[in-house]
Amino acid sequence: MASDAIPMFAENTYPLDARGIAKRFRHAAIFGALSALQPGETMRFCNDHDPLPLLQQLKNHFGENIQFEYLARNPGEIVIDFHIVP
């Protein structure tokens, strides 16, 4: 991701770059990170592909307690903010 693209750090926003996590651990790491967030906090997720199956799993698990917003949806550069709803 280009350094002038999307800032990784913002108030109450915590980055998780899945590209550096072994594939067999990714979903567990993402679920664990999201479970650790407090209402009003955000996880800024970076990945090299669009995680559509994961998004459905997150919706099923967290229900209305989570919202997500794509910040970048380009080939090889996916950035999604996951918001924990207060």
Protein backbone atom coordinates (compact mmCIF):
# COMPACT_ATOMS: atom_id res chain seq x y z
CA MET A 1 0.00 0.00 0.00
CA ALA A 2 1.38 3.39 -0.91
CA SER A 3 2.50 5.54 2.00
CA ASP A 4 0.28 8.44 0.86
CA ALA A 5 -2.82 6.27 0.50
CA ILE A 6 -4.84 5.48 3.62
CA PRO A 7 -3.36 6.25 7.02
CA MET A 8 -3.06 3.15 9.15
CA PHE A 9 -3.33 5.00 12.44
CA ALA A 10 -6.19 7.19 13.62
CA GLU A 11 -7.83 7.81 16.98
CA ASN A 12 -9.60 4.67 18.23
CA THR A 13 -8.49 2.82 15.08
CA TYR A 14 -6.17 -0.14 15.34
CA PRO A 15 -4.42 -1.67 12.31
CA LEU A 16 -4.34 -5.34 11.43
CA ASP A 17 -2.38 -6.26 8.31
CA ALA A 18 -3.44 -9.80 7.43
CA ARG A 19 -0.78 -10.08 4.74
CA GLY A 20 1.80 -10.79 7.46
CA ILE A 21 -0.22 -13.54 9.15
CA ALA A 22 0.08 -17.17 8.05
CA LYS A 23 -3.04 -18.17 6.13
CA ARG A 24 -4.02 -20.92 8.56
CA PHE A 25 -4.08 -18.40 11.44
CA ARG A 26 -5.71 -15.42 9.69
CA HIS A 27 -9.36 -15.95 10.53
CA ALA A 28 -8.59 -16.76 14.17
CA ALA A 29 -6.41 -13.64 14.44
CA ILE A 30 -9.09 -11.44 12.89
CA PHE A 31 -11.87 -12.81 15.10
CA GLY A 32 -9.63 -12.43 18.16
CA ALA A 33 -8.69 -8.85 17.31
CA LEU A 34 -12.31 -7.84 16.69
CA SER A 35 -13.42 -9.53 19.92
CA ALA A 36 -10.87 -7.45 21.84
CA LEU A 37 -12.24 -4.13 20.58
CA GLN A 38 -14.52 -1.99 22.70
CA PRO A 39 -17.68 -0.32 21.37
CA GLY A 40 -16.72 2.77 19.38
CA GLU A 41 -13.35 1.35 18.35
CA THR A 42 -12.33 0.39 14.82
CA MET A 43 -9.97 -2.15 13.31
CA ARG A 44 -8.39 -1.06 10.03
CA PHE A 45 -7.86 -4.31 8.13
CA CYS A 46 -5.46 -4.67 5.19
CA ASN A 47 -5.35 -7.66 2.88
CA ASP A 48 -4.21 -8.63 -0.60
CA HIS A 49 -7.64 -9.96 -1.65
CA ASP A 50 -11.28 -9.18 -0.96
CA PRO A 51 -12.31 -11.43 1.97
CA LEU A 52 -15.96 -11.96 1.01
CA PRO A 53 -16.38 -15.33 2.84
CA LEU A 54 -14.79 -13.80 5.95
CA LEU A 55 -17.19 -10.84 5.83
CA GLN A 56 -20.15 -13.22 5.88
CA GLN A 57 -18.65 -15.16 8.79
CA LEU A 58 -18.16 -11.91 10.71
CA LYS A 59 -21.75 -10.84 10.06
CA ASN A 60 -22.98 -14.22 11.28
CA HIS A 61 -20.82 -14.09 14.42
CA PHE A 62 -21.11 -10.42 15.47
CA GLY A 63 -24.50 -9.59 13.99
CA GLU A 64 -25.51 -5.95 14.39
CA ASN A 65 -22.53 -5.26 16.68
CA ILE A 66 -20.20 -4.81 13.72
CA GLN A 67 -20.22 -2.61 10.65
CA PHE A 68 -17.65 -2.46 7.90
CA GLU A 69 -16.61 0.11 5.34
CA TYR A 70 -14.24 -0.34 2.41
CA LEU A 71 -11.57 2.35 2.25
CA ALA A 72 -9.75 0.75 -0.69
CA ARG A 73 -10.93 -2.04 -2.96
CA ASN A 74 -8.21 -2.39 -5.56
CA PRO A 75 -6.52 -5.54 -6.87
CA GLY A 76 -3.87 -6.47 -4.31
CA GLU A 77 -4.93 -3.67 -1.94
CA ILE A 78 -8.00 -4.11 0.21
CA VAL A 79 -8.51 -1.88 3.23
CA ILE A 80 -11.63 -2.25 5.37
CA ASP A 81 -12.58 -0.48 8.58
CA PHE A 82 -14.49 -2.73 10.96
CA HIS A 83 -16.47 -0.65 13.47
CA ILE A 84 -17.72 -2.06 16.73
CA VAL A 85 -21.11 -0.46 17.28
CA PRO A 86 -21.68 1.22 20.66
